[in-house]
Amino acid sequence: MASKAVAATVDFARIYSSLGLGKAETIASLQAFRKRHGDAQRIHAQLAAQPTTVDLAHYRSVLRNQAVVDEAEKLLRDFKPVTYDVNAHIKAIETFEAKAVAKAKETTEKIDAELKDLQATLANIEEARPFEDLTSEEVGKAHPRIVEAVETMIKKGKWTVPGYKEKFGDLSLM
């Protein structure tokens, strides 16, 4: 009973998106499995609610043709439920479970790798110096293409940055 309560409170759509189950086939198979499971539970509940005994004495008193009641009683007495070999279904379920476990492990590894990357990025951010404390040499070491662009501009005799006046305006007093 506790599993029903837990299953009712689980937001599967959020789980699919947060775990990165991007493969449509994985999500579709999980949803199909959940639907079949829900249908089976619903049918089981309907059948369990039905009465299982037959009151033949009532039918004997109501019906004039006692041969019909005798034949029904004989059929009920001789009835043997058919047993099915469910090994094929169990194997299919085990195969599905194995695939689901493999996908879950793959997703776990993917999430762990992303967490490590995010933690490294967070550590870099926390250890970074403020922008005001950086020198132009440090910026040049970090991004050599900036140094190249500045050297090219100096060689060509350009002393202003293209687009600066349009963006920030002209700050000259004259």
C-alpha atoms as a PDB file:
ATOM      1  CA  MET A   1       0.000   0.000   0.000  1.00  0.00           C
ATOM      2  CA  ALA A   2       2.869   2.364   0.728  1.00  0.00           C
ATOM      3  CA  SER A   3       4.161   1.870  -2.808  1.00  0.00           C
ATOM      4  CA  LYS A   4       0.839   3.103  -4.218  1.00  0.00           C
ATOM      5  CA  ALA A   5       1.107   6.268  -2.140  1.00  0.00           C
ATOM      6  CA  VAL A   6       4.684   6.837  -3.258  1.00  0.00           C
ATOM      7  CA  ALA A   7       3.820   6.171  -6.911  1.00  0.00           C
ATOM      8  CA  ALA A   8       0.965   8.659  -6.691  1.00  0.00           C
ATOM      9  CA  THR A   9       3.258  11.406  -5.374  1.00  0.00           C
ATOM     10  CA  VAL A  10       6.084  10.906  -7.883  1.00  0.00           C
ATOM     11  CA  ASP A  11       6.250  13.515 -10.654  1.00  0.00           C
ATOM     12  CA  PHE A  12       7.523  11.346 -13.505  1.00  0.00           C
ATOM     13  CA  ALA A  13       7.676  14.184 -16.035  1.00  0.00           C
ATOM     14  CA  ARG A  14      10.099  16.050 -13.768  1.00  0.00           C
ATOM     15  CA  ILE A  15      12.163  12.904 -13.279  1.00  0.00           C
ATOM     16  CA  TYR A  16      12.413  12.293 -17.041  1.00  0.00           C
ATOM     17  CA  SER A  17      13.621  15.847 -17.660  1.00  0.00           C
ATOM     18  CA  SER A  18      15.927  16.132 -14.644  1.00  0.00           C
ATOM     19  CA  LEU A  19      17.668  12.800 -15.256  1.00  0.00           C
ATOM     20  CA  GLY A  20      18.295  13.671 -18.866  1.00  0.00           C
ATOM     21  CA  LEU A  21      16.441  10.693 -20.252  1.00  0.00           C
ATOM     22  CA  GLY A  22      16.613  12.295 -23.660  1.00  0.00           C
ATOM     23  CA  LYS A  23      16.077   9.118 -25.590  1.00  0.00           C
ATOM     24  CA  ALA A  24      12.447   9.054 -26.578  1.00  0.00           C
ATOM     25  CA  GLU A  25      12.437   5.265 -26.619  1.00  0.00           C
ATOM     26  CA  THR A  26      13.377   5.096 -22.925  1.00  0.00           C
ATOM     27  CA  ILE A  27      10.679   7.525 -21.882  1.00  0.00           C
ATOM     28  CA  ALA A  28       8.102   5.887 -24.150  1.00  0.00           C
ATOM     29  CA  SER A  29       8.837   2.402 -22.829  1.00  0.00           C
ATOM     30  CA  LEU A  30       8.632   3.610 -19.234  1.00  0.00           C
ATOM     31  CA  GLN A  31       5.323   5.348 -19.905  1.00  0.00           C
ATOM     32  CA  ALA A  32       3.952   2.270 -21.699  1.00  0.00           C
ATOM     33  CA  PHE A  33       5.005   0.075 -18.782  1.00  0.00           C
ATOM     34  CA  ARG A  34       3.354   2.445 -16.286  1.00  0.00           C
ATOM     35  CA  LYS A  35       0.153   2.436 -18.390  1.00  0.00           C
ATOM     36  CA  ARG A  36       0.045  -1.386 -18.600  1.00  0.00           C
ATOM     37  CA  HIS A  37       0.682  -1.612 -14.870  1.00  0.00           C
ATOM     38  CA  GLY A  38      -2.125   0.856 -14.123  1.00  0.00           C
ATOM     39  CA  ASP A  39      -4.518  -1.014 -16.422  1.00  0.00           C
ATOM     40  CA  ALA A  40      -3.654  -4.345 -14.782  1.00  0.00           C
ATOM     41  CA  GLN A  41      -4.232  -2.882 -11.315  1.00  0.00           C
ATOM     42  CA  ARG A  42      -7.577  -1.428 -12.388  1.00  0.00           C
ATOM     43  CA  ILE A  43      -8.773  -4.732 -13.919  1.00  0.00           C
ATOM     44  CA  HIS A  44      -7.610  -6.658 -10.850  1.00  0.00           C
ATOM     45  CA  ALA A  45      -9.536  -4.311  -8.566  1.00  0.00           C
ATOM     46  CA  GLN A  46     -12.686  -4.716 -10.682  1.00  0.00           C
ATOM     47  CA  LEU A  47     -12.448  -8.506 -10.697  1.00  0.00           C
ATOM     48  CA  ALA A  48     -11.642  -8.701  -6.991  1.00  0.00           C
ATOM     49  CA  ALA A  49     -14.799  -6.704  -6.219  1.00  0.00           C
ATOM     50  CA  GLN A  50     -17.067  -9.199  -8.012  1.00  0.00           C
ATOM     51  CA  PRO A  51     -18.702 -12.023  -6.036  1.00  0.00           C
ATOM     52  CA  THR A  52     -17.073 -15.420  -6.567  1.00  0.00           C
ATOM     53  CA  THR A  53     -19.803 -17.804  -5.392  1.00  0.00           C
ATOM     54  CA  VAL A  54     -22.846 -18.986  -7.332  1.00  0.00           C
ATOM     55  CA  ASP A  55     -26.058 -19.618  -5.372  1.00  0.00           C
ATOM     56  CA  LEU A  56     -27.439 -22.642  -7.216  1.00  0.00           C
ATOM     57  CA  ALA A  57     -30.272 -23.072  -4.693  1.00  0.00           C
ATOM     58  CA  HIS A  58     -31.606 -19.687  -5.715  1.00  0.00           C
ATOM     59  CA  TYR A  59     -31.580 -20.703  -9.384  1.00  0.00           C
ATOM     60  CA  ARG A  60     -33.301 -24.024  -8.550  1.00  0.00           C
ATOM     61  CA  SER A  61     -36.130 -22.128  -6.873  1.00  0.00           C
ATOM     62  CA  VAL A  62     -36.464 -19.564  -9.677  1.00  0.00           C
ATOM     63  CA  LEU A  63     -36.075 -21.686 -12.822  1.00  0.00           C
ATOM     64  CA  ARG A  64     -38.546 -24.337 -13.900  1.00  0.00           C
ATOM     65  CA  ASN A  65     -36.024 -26.200 -16.049  1.00  0.00           C
ATOM     66  CA  GLN A  66     -33.959 -28.021 -13.416  1.00  0.00           C
ATOM     67  CA  ALA A  67     -31.824 -29.695 -16.110  1.00  0.00           C
ATOM     68  CA  VAL A  68     -30.204 -26.338 -16.895  1.00  0.00           C
ATOM     69  CA  VAL A  69     -29.327 -25.835 -13.226  1.00  0.00           C
ATOM     70  CA  ASP A  70     -28.007 -29.419 -12.965  1.00  0.00           C
ATOM     71  CA  GLU A  71     -25.830 -28.894 -16.039  1.00  0.00           C
ATOM     72  CA  ALA A  72     -24.530 -25.556 -14.677  1.00  0.00           C
ATOM     73  CA  GLU A  73     -23.736 -27.236 -11.342  1.00  0.00           C
ATOM     74  CA  LYS A  74     -21.886 -30.040 -13.145  1.00  0.00           C
ATOM     75  CA  LEU A  75     -19.893 -27.507 -15.196  1.00  0.00           C
ATOM     76  CA  LEU A  76     -18.971 -25.555 -12.067  1.00  0.00           C
ATOM     77  CA  ARG A  77     -17.931 -28.691 -10.224  1.00  0.00           C
ATOM     78  CA  ASP A  78     -15.818 -29.951 -13.144  1.00  0.00           C
ATOM     79  CA  PHE A  79     -14.240 -26.572 -13.846  1.00  0.00           C
ATOM     80  CA  LYS A  80     -10.465 -26.543 -13.553  1.00  0.00           C
ATOM     81  CA  PRO A  81      -8.712 -23.221 -14.090  1.00  0.00           C
ATOM     82  CA  VAL A  82      -6.189 -23.186 -16.892  1.00  0.00           C
ATOM     83  CA  THR A  83      -2.620 -22.658 -15.822  1.00  0.00           C
ATOM     84  CA  TYR A  84      -0.389 -20.559 -17.997  1.00  0.00           C
ATOM     85  CA  ASP A  85       3.338 -20.695 -18.378  1.00  0.00           C
ATOM     86  CA  VAL A  86       4.369 -17.175 -17.420  1.00  0.00           C
ATOM     87  CA  ASN A  87       8.095 -17.769 -17.839  1.00  0.00           C
ATOM     88  CA  ALA A  88       8.105 -15.929 -21.179  1.00  0.00           C
ATOM     89  CA  HIS A  89       6.470 -12.907 -19.543  1.00  0.00           C
ATOM     90  CA  ILE A  90       8.860 -13.053 -16.614  1.00  0.00           C
ATOM     91  CA  LYS A  91      11.820 -13.169 -19.006  1.00  0.00           C
ATOM     92  CA  ALA A  92      10.448 -10.148 -20.879  1.00  0.00           C
ATOM     93  CA  ILE A  93      10.037  -8.263 -17.607  1.00  0.00           C
ATOM     94  CA  GLU A  94      13.549  -9.212 -16.515  1.00  0.00           C
ATOM     95  CA  THR A  95      14.935  -8.061 -19.864  1.00  0.00           C
ATOM     96  CA  PHE A  96      13.080  -4.765 -19.540  1.00  0.00           C
ATOM     97  CA  GLU A  97      14.329  -4.420 -15.969  1.00  0.00           C
ATOM     98  CA  ALA A  98      17.914  -5.110 -17.052  1.00  0.00           C
ATOM     99  CA  LYS A  99      17.653  -2.457 -19.772  1.00  0.00           C
ATOM    100  CA  ALA A 100      16.129   0.014 -17.314  1.00  0.00           C
ATOM    101  CA  VAL A 101      18.884  -0.646 -14.778  1.00  0.00           C
ATOM    102  CA  ALA A 102      21.548  -0.205 -17.469  1.00  0.00           C
ATOM    103  CA  LYS A 103      19.982   3.084 -18.583  1.00  0.00           C
ATOM    104  CA  ALA A 104      19.750   4.199 -14.952  1.00  0.00           C
ATOM    105  CA  LYS A 105      23.441   3.418 -14.387  1.00  0.00           C
ATOM    106  CA  GLU A 106      24.353   5.257 -17.583  1.00  0.00           C
ATOM    107  CA  THR A 107      22.287   8.237 -16.464  1.00  0.00           C
ATOM    108  CA  THR A 108      23.878   8.128 -13.007  1.00  0.00           C
ATOM    109  CA  GLU A 109      27.368   8.168 -14.530  1.00  0.00           C
ATOM    110  CA  LYS A 110      26.371  11.056 -16.796  1.00  0.00           C
ATOM    111  CA  ILE A 111      24.980  13.036 -13.861  1.00  0.00           C
ATOM    112  CA  ASP A 112      28.063  12.305 -11.750  1.00  0.00           C
ATOM    113  CA  ALA A 113      30.329  13.605 -14.537  1.00  0.00           C
ATOM    114  CA  GLU A 114      28.206  16.746 -14.884  1.00  0.00           C
ATOM    115  CA  LEU A 115      28.311  17.285 -11.114  1.00  0.00           C
ATOM    116  CA  LYS A 116      32.110  17.018 -11.109  1.00  0.00           C
ATOM    117  CA  ASP A 117      32.323  19.553 -13.932  1.00  0.00           C
ATOM    118  CA  LEU A 118      29.942  21.905 -12.153  1.00  0.00           C
ATOM    119  CA  GLN A 119      31.849  21.585  -8.879  1.00  0.00           C
ATOM    120  CA  ALA A 120      35.128  22.349 -10.666  1.00  0.00           C
ATOM    121  CA  THR A 121      33.506  25.377 -12.322  1.00  0.00           C
ATOM    122  CA  LEU A 122      32.128  26.537  -8.972  1.00  0.00           C
ATOM    123  CA  ALA A 123      35.567  26.162  -7.370  1.00  0.00           C
ATOM    124  CA  ASN A 124      37.102  28.226 -10.205  1.00  0.00           C
ATOM    125  CA  ILE A 125      34.489  30.921  -9.721  1.00  0.00           C
ATOM    126  CA  GLU A 126      35.015  31.027  -5.965  1.00  0.00           C
ATOM    127  CA  GLU A 127      38.815  31.178  -6.320  1.00  0.00           C
ATOM    128  CA  ALA A 128      38.815  33.769  -9.098  1.00  0.00           C
ATOM    129  CA  ARG A 129      40.161  37.207  -8.381  1.00  0.00           C
ATOM    130  CA  PRO A 130      37.858  40.207  -8.733  1.00  0.00           C
ATOM    131  CA  PHE A 131      37.903  41.955 -12.113  1.00  0.00           C
ATOM    132  CA  GLU A 132      39.294  45.131 -10.581  1.00  0.00           C
ATOM    133  CA  ASP A 133      42.435  43.270  -9.398  1.00  0.00           C
ATOM    134  CA  LEU A 134      43.335  41.887 -12.847  1.00  0.00           C
ATOM    135  CA  THR A 135      46.158  43.417 -14.864  1.00  0.00           C
ATOM    136  CA  SER A 136      46.300  43.709 -18.634  1.00  0.00           C
ATOM    137  CA  GLU A 137      49.172  41.191 -18.712  1.00  0.00           C
ATOM    138  CA  GLU A 138      47.044  38.586 -16.918  1.00  0.00           C
ATOM    139  CA  VAL A 139      44.143  39.174 -19.309  1.00  0.00           C
ATOM    140  CA  GLY A 140      46.577  38.851 -22.236  1.00  0.00           C
ATOM    141  CA  LYS A 141      47.901  35.543 -20.874  1.00  0.00           C
ATOM    142  CA  ALA A 142      44.383  34.240 -20.424  1.00  0.00           C
ATOM    143  CA  HIS A 143      43.236  35.332 -23.910  1.00  0.00           C
ATOM    144  CA  PRO A 144      46.178  35.731 -26.316  1.00  0.00           C
ATOM    145  CA  ARG A 145      43.914  36.759 -29.192  1.00  0.00           C
ATOM    146  CA  ILE A 146      43.190  40.037 -27.352  1.00  0.00           C
ATOM    147  CA  VAL A 147      46.916  40.846 -27.337  1.00  0.00           C
ATOM    148  CA  GLU A 148      47.128  39.993 -31.034  1.00  0.00           C
ATOM    149  CA  ALA A 149      44.148  42.227 -31.842  1.00  0.00           C
ATOM    150  CA  VAL A 150      45.642  45.161 -29.875  1.00  0.00           C
ATOM    151  CA  GLU A 151      49.063  44.734 -31.534  1.00  0.00           C
ATOM    152  CA  THR A 152      47.420  44.661 -34.967  1.00  0.00           C
ATOM    153  CA  MET A 153      45.490  47.853 -34.176  1.00  0.00           C
ATOM    154  CA  ILE A 154      48.682  49.604 -33.008  1.00  0.00           C
ATOM    155  CA  LYS A 155      50.558  48.552 -36.176  1.00  0.00           C
ATOM    156  CA  LYS A 156      47.757  49.975 -38.307  1.00  0.00           C
ATOM    157  CA  GLY A 157      47.695  53.181 -36.300  1.00  0.00           C
ATOM    158  CA  LYS A 158      44.210  52.711 -34.880  1.00  0.00           C
ATOM    159  CA  TRP A 159      43.997  54.162 -31.403  1.00  0.00           C
ATOM    160  CA  THR A 160      40.274  53.755 -30.862  1.00  0.00           C
ATOM    161  CA  VAL A 161      38.175  50.658 -30.445  1.00  0.00           C
ATOM    162  CA  PRO A 162      35.630  50.179 -33.252  1.00  0.00           C
ATOM    163  CA  GLY A 163      32.062  50.704 -32.044  1.00  0.00           C
ATOM    164  CA  TYR A 164      33.094  52.282 -28.729  1.00  0.00           C
ATOM    165  CA  LYS A 165      31.705  55.740 -29.474  1.00  0.00           C
ATOM    166  CA  GLU A 166      28.442  54.275 -30.786  1.00  0.00           C
ATOM    167  CA  LYS A 167      27.994  52.217 -27.659  1.00  0.00           C
ATOM    168  CA  PHE A 168      29.312  54.537 -24.923  1.00  0.00           C
ATOM    169  CA  GLY A 169      29.327  57.961 -26.573  1.00  0.00           C
ATOM    170  CA  ASP A 170      32.102  60.506 -26.918  1.00  0.00           C
ATOM    171  CA  LEU A 171      33.474  61.506 -23.523  1.00  0.00           C
ATOM    172  CA  SER A 172      35.842  64.217 -24.800  1.00  0.00           C
ATOM    173  CA  LEU A 173      35.298  67.696 -23.387  1.00  0.00           C
ATOM    174  CA  MET A 174      36.034  69.477 -26.660  1.00  0.00           C
END
